[in-house]
Amino acid sequence: MNNIKTVFSIGDLEGLTGVKAHTIRIWEKRYGMLSPQRGSNNLRYYGLEELRKLLNIVLLTEYGVKISKVAKMGTSEIEMMVGEIRVGRQDVNYTIHLFKLSMMTFDQPLFLDATDHLLAKMPFEKVFLSYYMPFLEEIGLMWQTGTIQPAHEHFISCLIRMVVMQQTALCSRKVRKGIAAKYVLFLPFGEIHELGLMYLQYLITARGEGCVYLGSNIPLDSLSEITRLFRGVTFITYLTVLPEEKPLDQYVEALLSKVRDNHSELWIVGRRTSELNISEQEGFKRFSVLHDIAAKLS
């Protein structure tokens, strides 16, 4: 755990909270709300508790509590008011605040409790698309700016993966015994977008339809056994990075050849679909974002 980021610059706080650095400095100087330490180069740095406090302060101000009022509150009082706001709340900004806090402090119960709160009020489809997806997009931005480390991203991705698997297992009884598979889901070598593919498995299972889930790093040649056993199905894969086996167009052409011989269809989703020089045709569909293919399956 020694390589996990627990010390943050004021730039990190800006990226994590959305509050400009000069505003954070004003809050420190005028209200004494944070107590940063000074490094050997005299630059401010902040610990996890300072980050947690700032996230909570930002949340209260977003809900109309004046900063001057927050400044007079102790840490426990701030956390109590945040808890009160939580009751009955399910909006995206507040939930992402909780998810972010869970990620940065490695707090699994906080993430699962926030998810349970949502699931009590809405179907899992909405939780994933309206809450998990915006949060994952925000994680991508934090990753690009170096605000978070691999441990943070892996921790929260594993929790989301666990919830998707739980929800898939819960609705698996809808799939009647002996029903033929209609979909085959897989990722090519080098593809990393398994969460999206897992969500598609959930949607298919929730509909009571048969699905063969192969997971990641599936060699093109290994699909021959699948095409031998299953005919007239829909193959679904994700393309957000180039497949390692072949150039993109060549890979998709080879995949289409296997599918056509099997009288099946191929659906591809992901940002790399925009780079394909292969147009949509009978037996082949492409979707640039998860929402589009999810709508097709719902």
C-alpha atoms as a PDB file:
ATOM      1  CA  MET A   1       0.000   0.000   0.000  1.00  0.00           C
ATOM      2  CA  ASN A   2       3.053   2.290   0.222  1.00  0.00           C
ATOM      3  CA  ASN A   3       2.760   3.238  -3.459  1.00  0.00           C
ATOM      4  CA  ILE A   4      -0.836   4.468  -3.104  1.00  0.00           C
ATOM      5  CA  LYS A   5      -1.229   8.202  -3.436  1.00  0.00           C
ATOM      6  CA  THR A   6      -2.087   9.718  -0.072  1.00  0.00           C
ATOM      7  CA  VAL A   7      -0.527  13.163  -0.529  1.00  0.00           C
ATOM      8  CA  PHE A   8      -2.054  15.669  -2.954  1.00  0.00           C
ATOM      9  CA  SER A   9      -0.990  18.980  -4.458  1.00  0.00           C
ATOM     10  CA  ILE A  10      -3.399  21.881  -4.753  1.00  0.00           C
ATOM     11  CA  GLY A  11      -3.613  21.006  -8.457  1.00  0.00           C
ATOM     12  CA  ASP A  12      -4.753  17.486  -7.519  1.00  0.00           C
ATOM     13  CA  LEU A  13      -7.474  18.958  -5.288  1.00  0.00           C
ATOM     14  CA  GLU A  14      -8.615  21.164  -8.152  1.00  0.00           C
ATOM     15  CA  GLY A  15      -8.902  18.117 -10.424  1.00  0.00           C
ATOM     16  CA  LEU A  16     -10.724  16.013  -7.846  1.00  0.00           C
ATOM     17  CA  THR A  17     -13.175  18.628  -6.572  1.00  0.00           C
ATOM     18  CA  GLY A  18     -13.650  21.029  -9.472  1.00  0.00           C
ATOM     19  CA  VAL A  19     -12.781  23.981  -7.210  1.00  0.00           C
ATOM     20  CA  LYS A  20     -10.173  26.340  -8.657  1.00  0.00           C
ATOM     21  CA  ALA A  21      -6.837  26.469  -6.846  1.00  0.00           C
ATOM     22  CA  HIS A  22      -7.159  30.192  -6.102  1.00  0.00           C
ATOM     23  CA  THR A  23     -10.572  29.540  -4.456  1.00  0.00           C
ATOM     24  CA  ILE A  24      -9.061  26.810  -2.290  1.00  0.00           C
ATOM     25  CA  ARG A  25      -6.356  29.261  -1.202  1.00  0.00           C
ATOM     26  CA  ILE A  26      -8.993  31.877  -0.342  1.00  0.00           C
ATOM     27  CA  TRP A  27     -10.920  29.337   1.750  1.00  0.00           C
ATOM     28  CA  GLU A  28      -7.707  28.490   3.577  1.00  0.00           C
ATOM     29  CA  LYS A  29      -6.661  32.089   4.202  1.00  0.00           C
ATOM     30  CA  ARG A  30     -10.062  33.639   4.957  1.00  0.00           C
ATOM     31  CA  TYR A  31     -11.781  30.779   6.774  1.00  0.00           C
ATOM     32  CA  GLY A  32      -8.966  28.450   7.846  1.00  0.00           C
ATOM     33  CA  MET A  33     -10.952  25.524   6.436  1.00  0.00           C
ATOM     34  CA  LEU A  34      -7.930  23.451   5.432  1.00  0.00           C
ATOM     35  CA  SER A  35      -4.543  23.043   7.038  1.00  0.00           C
ATOM     36  CA  PRO A  36      -2.029  22.042   4.366  1.00  0.00           C
ATOM     37  CA  GLN A  37       1.486  20.967   5.181  1.00  0.00           C
ATOM     38  CA  ARG A  38       4.552  22.462   3.544  1.00  0.00           C
ATOM     39  CA  GLY A  39       7.158  20.434   1.710  1.00  0.00           C
ATOM     40  CA  SER A  40      10.880  21.113   1.502  1.00  0.00           C
ATOM     41  CA  ASN A  41      10.183  23.291  -1.545  1.00  0.00           C
ATOM     42  CA  ASN A  42       7.579  25.248   0.499  1.00  0.00           C
ATOM     43  CA  LEU A  43       4.707  24.008  -1.692  1.00  0.00           C
ATOM     44  CA  ARG A  44       1.399  23.058  -0.085  1.00  0.00           C
ATOM     45  CA  TYR A  45       0.424  19.409   0.124  1.00  0.00           C
ATOM     46  CA  TYR A  46      -2.714  17.794   1.529  1.00  0.00           C
ATOM     47  CA  GLY A  47      -3.546  14.423   3.066  1.00  0.00           C
ATOM     48  CA  LEU A  48      -6.585  12.158   2.633  1.00  0.00           C
ATOM     49  CA  GLU A  49      -8.455  13.754   5.530  1.00  0.00           C
ATOM     50  CA  GLU A  50      -8.034  17.199   3.970  1.00  0.00           C
ATOM     51  CA  LEU A  51      -9.303  15.816   0.667  1.00  0.00           C
ATOM     52  CA  ARG A  52     -12.305  14.199   2.362  1.00  0.00           C
ATOM     53  CA  LYS A  53     -13.135  17.445   4.149  1.00  0.00           C
ATOM     54  CA  LEU A  54     -12.859  19.517   0.963  1.00  0.00           C
ATOM     55  CA  LEU A  55     -15.102  17.115  -0.992  1.00  0.00           C
ATOM     56  CA  ASN A  56     -17.726  17.431   1.735  1.00  0.00           C
ATOM     57  CA  ILE A  57     -17.416  21.221   1.820  1.00  0.00           C
ATOM     58  CA  VAL A  58     -17.904  21.395  -1.953  1.00  0.00           C
ATOM     59  CA  LEU A  59     -20.972  19.178  -1.701  1.00  0.00           C
ATOM     60  CA  LEU A  60     -22.572  21.427   0.946  1.00  0.00           C
ATOM     61  CA  THR A  61     -21.934  24.567  -1.091  1.00  0.00           C
ATOM     62  CA  GLU A  62     -23.472  22.882  -4.160  1.00  0.00           C
ATOM     63  CA  TYR A  63     -26.638  22.365  -2.119  1.00  0.00           C
ATOM     64  CA  GLY A  64     -26.848  26.005  -1.144  1.00  0.00           C
ATOM     65  CA  VAL A  65     -25.032  26.111   2.199  1.00  0.00           C
ATOM     66  CA  LYS A  66     -23.010  29.310   2.337  1.00  0.00           C
ATOM     67  CA  ILE A  67     -19.269  28.900   2.679  1.00  0.00           C
ATOM     68  CA  SER A  68     -19.278  31.311   5.634  1.00  0.00           C
ATOM     69  CA  LYS A  69     -21.645  28.938   7.464  1.00  0.00           C
ATOM     70  CA  VAL A  70     -19.615  25.856   6.593  1.00  0.00           C
ATOM     71  CA  ALA A  71     -16.491  27.607   7.878  1.00  0.00           C
ATOM     72  CA  LYS A  72     -18.000  27.761  11.384  1.00  0.00           C
ATOM     73  CA  MET A  73     -18.700  24.010  11.445  1.00  0.00           C
ATOM     74  CA  GLY A  74     -16.384  21.326  12.747  1.00  0.00           C
ATOM     75  CA  THR A  75     -15.440  18.289  10.667  1.00  0.00           C
ATOM     76  CA  SER A  76     -17.949  16.010  12.414  1.00  0.00           C
ATOM     77  CA  GLU A  77     -20.724  18.597  11.957  1.00  0.00           C
ATOM     78  CA  ILE A  78     -19.911  18.879   8.253  1.00  0.00           C
ATOM     79  CA  GLU A  79     -20.060  15.097   7.852  1.00  0.00           C
ATOM     80  CA  MET A  80     -23.365  14.983   9.749  1.00  0.00           C
ATOM     81  CA  MET A  81     -24.924  17.565   7.417  1.00  0.00           C
ATOM     82  CA  VAL A  82     -23.631  15.638   4.398  1.00  0.00           C
ATOM     83  CA  GLY A  83     -25.323  12.549   5.817  1.00  0.00           C
ATOM     84  CA  GLU A  84     -28.589  14.454   6.203  1.00  0.00           C
ATOM     85  CA  ILE A  85     -28.431  15.594   2.580  1.00  0.00           C
ATOM     86  CA  ARG A  86     -27.942  11.994   1.578  1.00  0.00           C
ATOM     87  CA  VAL A  87     -31.390  10.992   2.827  1.00  0.00           C
ATOM     88  CA  GLY A  88     -33.730  11.123  -0.154  1.00  0.00           C
ATOM     89  CA  ARG A  89     -31.022  12.280  -2.561  1.00  0.00           C
ATOM     90  CA  GLN A  90     -30.185  10.315  -5.704  1.00  0.00           C
ATOM     91  CA  ASP A  91     -28.905  12.963  -8.119  1.00  0.00           C
ATOM     92  CA  VAL A  92     -25.811  12.254 -10.165  1.00  0.00           C
ATOM     93  CA  ASN A  93     -23.494  14.918  -8.707  1.00  0.00           C
ATOM     94  CA  TYR A  94     -24.074  13.810  -5.140  1.00  0.00           C
ATOM     95  CA  THR A  95     -23.656  10.124  -5.938  1.00  0.00           C
ATOM     96  CA  ILE A  96     -20.469  10.725  -7.906  1.00  0.00           C
ATOM     97  CA  HIS A  97     -19.212  12.661  -4.874  1.00  0.00           C
ATOM     98  CA  LEU A  98     -19.697   9.506  -2.789  1.00  0.00           C
ATOM     99  CA  PHE A  99     -18.133   7.254  -5.422  1.00  0.00           C
ATOM    100  CA  LYS A 100     -15.136   9.575  -5.687  1.00  0.00           C
ATOM    101  CA  LEU A 101     -14.718   9.702  -1.923  1.00  0.00           C
ATOM    102  CA  SER A 102     -14.938   5.913  -1.780  1.00  0.00           C
ATOM    103  CA  MET A 103     -12.264   5.572  -4.474  1.00  0.00           C
ATOM    104  CA  MET A 104      -9.808   8.007  -2.929  1.00  0.00           C
ATOM    105  CA  THR A 105     -10.141   6.543   0.593  1.00  0.00           C
ATOM    106  CA  PHE A 106     -10.533   2.885  -0.518  1.00  0.00           C
ATOM    107  CA  ASP A 107     -13.857   2.689   1.310  1.00  0.00           C
ATOM    108  CA  GLN A 108     -15.741  -0.322  -0.084  1.00  0.00           C
ATOM    109  CA  PRO A 109     -18.773  -0.076   2.259  1.00  0.00           C
ATOM    110  CA  LEU A 110     -19.333   3.556   1.207  1.00  0.00           C
ATOM    111  CA  PHE A 111     -19.465   2.616  -2.483  1.00  0.00           C
ATOM    112  CA  LEU A 112     -21.742  -0.394  -1.946  1.00  0.00           C
ATOM    113  CA  ASP A 113     -24.041   1.550   0.377  1.00  0.00           C
ATOM    114  CA  ALA A 114     -24.385   4.350  -2.189  1.00  0.00           C
ATOM    115  CA  THR A 115     -25.177   1.746  -4.866  1.00  0.00           C
ATOM    116  CA  ASP A 116     -27.770   0.042  -2.649  1.00  0.00           C
ATOM    117  CA  HIS A 117     -29.379   3.438  -2.049  1.00  0.00           C
ATOM    118  CA  LEU A 118     -29.784   3.853  -5.807  1.00  0.00           C
ATOM    119  CA  LEU A 119     -30.999   0.301  -6.410  1.00  0.00           C
ATOM    120  CA  ALA A 120     -33.766   0.826  -3.867  1.00  0.00           C
ATOM    121  CA  LYS A 121     -35.149   3.584  -6.072  1.00  0.00           C
ATOM    122  CA  MET A 122     -34.400   2.571  -9.672  1.00  0.00           C
ATOM    123  CA  PRO A 123     -33.501  -0.388 -11.922  1.00  0.00           C
ATOM    124  CA  PHE A 124     -29.879  -1.373 -12.361  1.00  0.00           C
ATOM    125  CA  GLU A 125     -29.914  -0.244 -16.007  1.00  0.00           C
ATOM    126  CA  LYS A 126     -30.332   3.357 -14.853  1.00  0.00           C
ATOM    127  CA  VAL A 127     -27.722   2.968 -12.103  1.00  0.00           C
ATOM    128  CA  PHE A 128     -25.133   1.776 -14.613  1.00  0.00           C
ATOM    129  CA  LEU A 129     -25.840   4.197 -17.468  1.00  0.00           C
ATOM    130  CA  SER A 130     -26.749   7.317 -15.463  1.00  0.00           C
ATOM    131  CA  TYR A 131     -24.361   6.954 -12.510  1.00  0.00           C
ATOM    132  CA  TYR A 132     -21.566   4.462 -13.167  1.00  0.00           C
ATOM    133  CA  MET A 133     -20.859   5.621 -16.729  1.00  0.00           C
ATOM    134  CA  PRO A 134     -20.466   9.366 -15.919  1.00  0.00           C
ATOM    135  CA  PHE A 135     -18.261   8.392 -12.979  1.00  0.00           C
ATOM    136  CA  LEU A 136     -16.078   6.154 -15.168  1.00  0.00           C
ATOM    137  CA  GLU A 137     -15.726   8.998 -17.670  1.00  0.00           C
ATOM    138  CA  GLU A 138     -14.609  11.295 -14.848  1.00  0.00           C
ATOM    139  CA  ILE A 139     -12.102   8.672 -13.725  1.00  0.00           C
ATOM    140  CA  GLY A 140     -10.678   8.724 -17.251  1.00  0.00           C
ATOM    141  CA  LEU A 141     -10.094  12.459 -17.001  1.00  0.00           C
ATOM    142  CA  MET A 142      -8.475  12.126 -13.573  1.00  0.00           C
ATOM    143  CA  TRP A 143      -6.247   9.367 -14.950  1.00  0.00           C
ATOM    144  CA  GLN A 144      -5.099  11.534 -17.852  1.00  0.00           C
ATOM    145  CA  THR A 145      -4.153  14.388 -15.520  1.00  0.00           C
ATOM    146  CA  GLY A 146      -2.316  12.100 -13.098  1.00  0.00           C
ATOM    147  CA  THR A 147      -4.668  12.926 -10.234  1.00  0.00           C
ATOM    148  CA  ILE A 148      -5.259   9.252  -9.415  1.00  0.00           C
ATOM    149  CA  GLN A 149      -3.017   6.203  -9.491  1.00  0.00           C
ATOM    150  CA  PRO A 150      -3.635   2.673 -10.841  1.00  0.00           C
ATOM    151  CA  ALA A 151      -4.604   1.431  -7.368  1.00  0.00           C
ATOM    152  CA  HIS A 152      -7.523   3.885  -7.233  1.00  0.00           C
ATOM    153  CA  GLU A 153      -8.844   2.948 -10.676  1.00  0.00           C
ATOM    154  CA  HIS A 154      -8.419  -0.800 -10.096  1.00  0.00           C
ATOM    155  CA  PHE A 155     -10.146  -0.622  -6.721  1.00  0.00           C
ATOM    156  CA  ILE A 156     -13.275   1.097  -7.988  1.00  0.00           C
ATOM    157  CA  SER A 157     -13.405  -0.883 -11.251  1.00  0.00           C
ATOM    158  CA  CYS A 158     -13.343  -4.138  -9.278  1.00  0.00           C
ATOM    159  CA  LEU A 159     -16.234  -2.913  -7.125  1.00  0.00           C
ATOM    160  CA  ILE A 160     -18.305  -1.981 -10.176  1.00  0.00           C
ATOM    161  CA  ARG A 161     -17.445  -5.340 -11.740  1.00  0.00           C
ATOM    162  CA  MET A 162     -18.614  -7.088  -8.560  1.00  0.00           C
ATOM    163  CA  VAL A 163     -21.960  -5.252  -8.611  1.00  0.00           C
ATOM    164  CA  VAL A 164     -22.531  -6.051 -12.307  1.00  0.00           C
ATOM    165  CA  MET A 165     -21.812  -9.729 -11.645  1.00  0.00           C
ATOM    166  CA  GLN A 166     -24.184  -9.748  -8.662  1.00  0.00           C
ATOM    167  CA  GLN A 167     -26.980  -8.180 -10.694  1.00  0.00           C
ATOM    168  CA  THR A 168     -26.387 -10.621 -13.554  1.00  0.00           C
ATOM    169  CA  ALA A 169     -26.542 -13.548 -11.138  1.00  0.00           C
ATOM    170  CA  LEU A 170     -29.779 -12.223  -9.614  1.00  0.00           C
ATOM    171  CA  CYS A 171     -31.569 -12.152 -12.966  1.00  0.00           C
ATOM    172  CA  SER A 172     -30.036 -15.369 -14.309  1.00  0.00           C
ATOM    173  CA  ARG A 173     -33.107 -17.350 -13.226  1.00  0.00           C
ATOM    174  CA  LYS A 174     -35.010 -15.572 -15.993  1.00  0.00           C
ATOM    175  CA  VAL A 175     -33.056 -17.659 -18.502  1.00  0.00           C
ATOM    176  CA  ARG A 176     -35.012 -20.878 -18.911  1.00  0.00           C
ATOM    177  CA  LYS A 177     -33.174 -24.157 -18.658  1.00  0.00           C
ATOM    178  CA  GLY A 178     -32.168 -25.486 -22.070  1.00  0.00           C
ATOM    179  CA  ILE A 179     -32.748 -22.197 -23.913  1.00  0.00           C
ATOM    180  CA  ALA A 180     -30.468 -21.730 -26.924  1.00  0.00           C
ATOM    181  CA  ALA A 181     -27.848 -18.991 -26.808  1.00  0.00           C
ATOM    182  CA  LYS A 182     -28.635 -15.931 -28.933  1.00  0.00           C
ATOM    183  CA  TYR A 183     -25.517 -13.890 -28.204  1.00  0.00           C
ATOM    184  CA  VAL A 184     -21.769 -14.514 -27.896  1.00  0.00           C
ATOM    185  CA  LEU A 185     -19.781 -11.788 -26.095  1.00  0.00           C
ATOM    186  CA  PHE A 186     -15.992 -11.508 -26.237  1.00  0.00           C
ATOM    187  CA  LEU A 187     -13.065  -9.076 -26.309  1.00  0.00           C
ATOM    188  CA  PRO A 188     -10.073  -9.344 -28.650  1.00  0.00           C
ATOM    189  CA  PHE A 189      -6.479  -9.362 -27.409  1.00  0.00           C
ATOM    190  CA  GLY A 190      -5.445  -6.039 -25.934  1.00  0.00           C
ATOM    191  CA  GLU A 191      -8.974  -4.727 -25.375  1.00  0.00           C
ATOM    192  CA  ILE A 192      -9.654  -3.348 -21.901  1.00  0.00           C
ATOM    193  CA  HIS A 193     -13.361  -2.461 -21.914  1.00  0.00           C
ATOM    194  CA  GLU A 194     -14.722  -5.516 -20.125  1.00  0.00           C
ATOM    195  CA  LEU A 195     -17.045  -3.568 -17.817  1.00  0.00           C
ATOM    196  CA  GLY A 196     -19.139  -2.499 -20.788  1.00  0.00           C
ATOM    197  CA  LEU A 197     -19.253  -6.049 -22.134  1.00  0.00           C
ATOM    198  CA  MET A 198     -20.259  -7.350 -18.715  1.00  0.00           C
ATOM    199  CA  TYR A 199     -23.100  -4.845 -18.628  1.00  0.00           C
ATOM    200  CA  LEU A 200     -24.325  -6.102 -21.999  1.00  0.00           C
ATOM    201  CA  GLN A 201     -24.305  -9.629 -20.586  1.00  0.00           C
ATOM    202  CA  TYR A 202     -26.492  -8.356 -17.757  1.00  0.00           C
ATOM    203  CA  LEU A 203     -28.981  -6.779 -20.195  1.00  0.00           C
ATOM    204  CA  ILE A 204     -29.230  -9.967 -22.238  1.00  0.00           C
ATOM    205  CA  THR A 205     -29.663 -12.113 -19.130  1.00  0.00           C
ATOM    206  CA  ALA A 206     -32.297  -9.739 -17.721  1.00  0.00           C
ATOM    207  CA  ARG A 207     -34.281 -10.286 -20.918  1.00  0.00           C
ATOM    208  CA  GLY A 208     -34.240 -14.022 -20.277  1.00  0.00           C
ATOM    209  CA  GLU A 209     -32.155 -14.746 -23.373  1.00  0.00           C
ATOM    210  CA  GLY A 210     -29.243 -17.149 -23.675  1.00  0.00           C
ATOM    211  CA  CYS A 211     -25.744 -15.700 -23.728  1.00  0.00           C
ATOM    212  CA  VAL A 212     -22.241 -17.159 -24.034  1.00  0.00           C
ATOM    213  CA  TYR A 213     -19.773 -14.854 -22.267  1.00  0.00           C
ATOM    214  CA  LEU A 214     -16.156 -15.523 -23.261  1.00  0.00           C
ATOM    215  CA  GLY A 215     -14.515 -12.530 -21.588  1.00  0.00           C
ATOM    216  CA  SER A 216     -11.245 -10.882 -22.635  1.00  0.00           C
ATOM    217  CA  ASN A 217      -8.213 -11.765 -24.752  1.00  0.00           C
ATOM    218  CA  ILE A 218      -9.995 -14.167 -27.097  1.00  0.00           C
ATOM    219  CA  PRO A 219      -7.867 -15.169 -30.122  1.00  0.00           C
ATOM    220  CA  LEU A 220      -9.667 -14.912 -33.433  1.00  0.00           C
ATOM    221  CA  ASP A 221      -8.934 -18.536 -34.273  1.00  0.00           C
ATOM    222  CA  SER A 222     -10.491 -19.771 -31.034  1.00  0.00           C
ATOM    223  CA  LEU A 223     -13.908 -18.534 -32.216  1.00  0.00           C
ATOM    224  CA  SER A 224     -13.999 -21.414 -34.718  1.00  0.00           C
ATOM    225  CA  GLU A 225     -15.228 -23.779 -32.006  1.00  0.00           C
ATOM    226  CA  ILE A 226     -17.980 -21.326 -31.067  1.00  0.00           C
ATOM    227  CA  THR A 227     -19.127 -20.912 -34.673  1.00  0.00           C
ATOM    228  CA  ARG A 228     -19.186 -24.695 -35.000  1.00  0.00           C
ATOM    229  CA  LEU A 229     -21.503 -25.102 -32.002  1.00  0.00           C
ATOM    230  CA  PHE A 230     -23.704 -21.997 -32.351  1.00  0.00           C
ATOM    231  CA  ARG A 231     -25.346 -20.861 -35.591  1.00  0.00           C
ATOM    232  CA  GLY A 232     -27.531 -17.846 -36.256  1.00  0.00           C
ATOM    233  CA  VAL A 233     -26.365 -15.955 -33.166  1.00  0.00           C
ATOM    234  CA  THR A 234     -25.143 -12.385 -32.642  1.00  0.00           C
ATOM    235  CA  PHE A 235     -21.473 -11.883 -31.806  1.00  0.00           C
ATOM    236  CA  ILE A 236     -20.771  -8.703 -29.809  1.00  0.00           C
ATOM    237  CA  THR A 237     -17.345  -7.219 -29.135  1.00  0.00           C
ATOM    238  CA  TYR A 238     -15.788  -3.944 -27.957  1.00  0.00           C
ATOM    239  CA  LEU A 239     -13.166  -1.918 -29.814  1.00  0.00           C
ATOM    240  CA  THR A 240     -11.672   0.942 -27.815  1.00  0.00           C
ATOM    241  CA  VAL A 241      -8.044   0.005 -28.573  1.00  0.00           C
ATOM    242  CA  LEU A 242      -6.696  -1.650 -31.688  1.00  0.00           C
ATOM    243  CA  PRO A 243      -6.713  -5.483 -31.660  1.00  0.00           C
ATOM    244  CA  GLU A 244      -3.182  -6.853 -31.340  1.00  0.00           C
ATOM    245  CA  GLU A 245      -3.641  -9.683 -33.814  1.00  0.00           C
ATOM    246  CA  LYS A 246      -4.240  -7.709 -37.028  1.00  0.00           C
ATOM    247  CA  PRO A 247      -4.794  -4.137 -38.296  1.00  0.00           C
ATOM    248  CA  LEU A 248      -8.294  -2.959 -37.435  1.00  0.00           C
ATOM    249  CA  ASP A 249     -10.025  -3.357 -40.814  1.00  0.00           C
ATOM    250  CA  GLN A 250      -8.287  -6.664 -41.454  1.00  0.00           C
ATOM    251  CA  TYR A 251      -9.325  -7.967 -38.050  1.00  0.00           C
ATOM    252  CA  VAL A 252     -12.979  -7.027 -38.550  1.00  0.00           C
ATOM    253  CA  GLU A 253     -13.013  -8.491 -42.068  1.00  0.00           C
ATOM    254  CA  ALA A 254     -11.659 -11.793 -40.714  1.00  0.00           C
ATOM    255  CA  LEU A 255     -14.243 -11.727 -37.945  1.00  0.00           C
ATOM    256  CA  LEU A 256     -17.036 -10.992 -40.403  1.00  0.00           C
ATOM    257  CA  SER A 257     -15.930 -13.907 -42.545  1.00  0.00           C
ATOM    258  CA  LYS A 258     -16.301 -16.312 -39.644  1.00  0.00           C
ATOM    259  CA  VAL A 259     -19.679 -14.868 -38.707  1.00  0.00           C
ATOM    260  CA  ARG A 260     -21.099 -14.943 -42.230  1.00  0.00           C
ATOM    261  CA  ASP A 261     -20.080 -18.583 -42.714  1.00  0.00           C
ATOM    262  CA  ASN A 262     -22.055 -19.292 -39.570  1.00  0.00           C
ATOM    263  CA  HIS A 263     -25.160 -17.318 -40.702  1.00  0.00           C
ATOM    264  CA  SER A 264     -24.666 -15.108 -37.647  1.00  0.00           C
ATOM    265  CA  GLU A 265     -24.397 -11.347 -37.070  1.00  0.00           C
ATOM    266  CA  LEU A 266     -21.585  -9.174 -35.752  1.00  0.00           C
ATOM    267  CA  TRP A 267     -22.150  -6.104 -33.576  1.00  0.00           C
ATOM    268  CA  ILE A 268     -19.198  -3.921 -32.618  1.00  0.00           C
ATOM    269  CA  VAL A 269     -19.266  -1.113 -30.065  1.00  0.00           C
ATOM    270  CA  GLY A 270     -16.589   1.381 -29.007  1.00  0.00           C
ATOM    271  CA  ARG A 271     -14.824   4.548 -30.100  1.00  0.00           C
ATOM    272  CA  ARG A 272     -12.586   2.663 -32.584  1.00  0.00           C
ATOM    273  CA  THR A 273     -15.626   1.910 -34.718  1.00  0.00           C
ATOM    274  CA  SER A 274     -15.310   5.424 -36.185  1.00  0.00           C
ATOM    275  CA  GLU A 275     -11.965   4.384 -37.720  1.00  0.00           C
ATOM    276  CA  LEU A 276     -13.450   1.425 -39.589  1.00  0.00           C
ATOM    277  CA  ASN A 277     -13.547   1.676 -43.367  1.00  0.00           C
ATOM    278  CA  ILE A 278     -16.151  -1.093 -43.448  1.00  0.00           C
ATOM    279  CA  SER A 279     -19.702   0.181 -43.809  1.00  0.00           C
ATOM    280  CA  GLU A 280     -22.723  -1.309 -42.099  1.00  0.00           C
ATOM    281  CA  GLN A 281     -24.298  -4.120 -44.076  1.00  0.00           C
ATOM    282  CA  GLU A 282     -26.527  -7.103 -43.596  1.00  0.00           C
ATOM    283  CA  GLY A 283     -25.254  -9.017 -40.601  1.00  0.00           C
ATOM    284  CA  PHE A 284     -22.982  -6.214 -39.400  1.00  0.00           C
ATOM    285  CA  LYS A 285     -23.813  -3.279 -37.103  1.00  0.00           C
ATOM    286  CA  ARG A 286     -21.583  -0.838 -35.262  1.00  0.00           C
ATOM    287  CA  PHE A 287     -22.319   1.404 -32.279  1.00  0.00           C
ATOM    288  CA  SER A 288     -20.036   4.215 -31.165  1.00  0.00           C
ATOM    289  CA  VAL A 289     -21.203   4.293 -27.530  1.00  0.00           C
ATOM    290  CA  LEU A 290     -22.565   1.830 -24.986  1.00  0.00           C
ATOM    291  CA  HIS A 291     -25.875   3.693 -24.639  1.00  0.00           C
ATOM    292  CA  ASP A 292     -26.749   2.947 -28.280  1.00  0.00           C
ATOM    293  CA  ILE A 293     -26.195  -0.786 -28.158  1.00  0.00           C
ATOM    294  CA  ALA A 294     -27.832  -0.957 -24.713  1.00  0.00           C
ATOM    295  CA  ALA A 295     -30.942   0.680 -26.183  1.00  0.00           C
ATOM    296  CA  LYS A 296     -30.925  -1.920 -28.954  1.00  0.00           C
ATOM    297  CA  LEU A 297     -30.829  -4.721 -26.381  1.00  0.00           C
ATOM    298  CA  SER A 298     -33.339  -3.240 -23.915  1.00  0.00           C
END
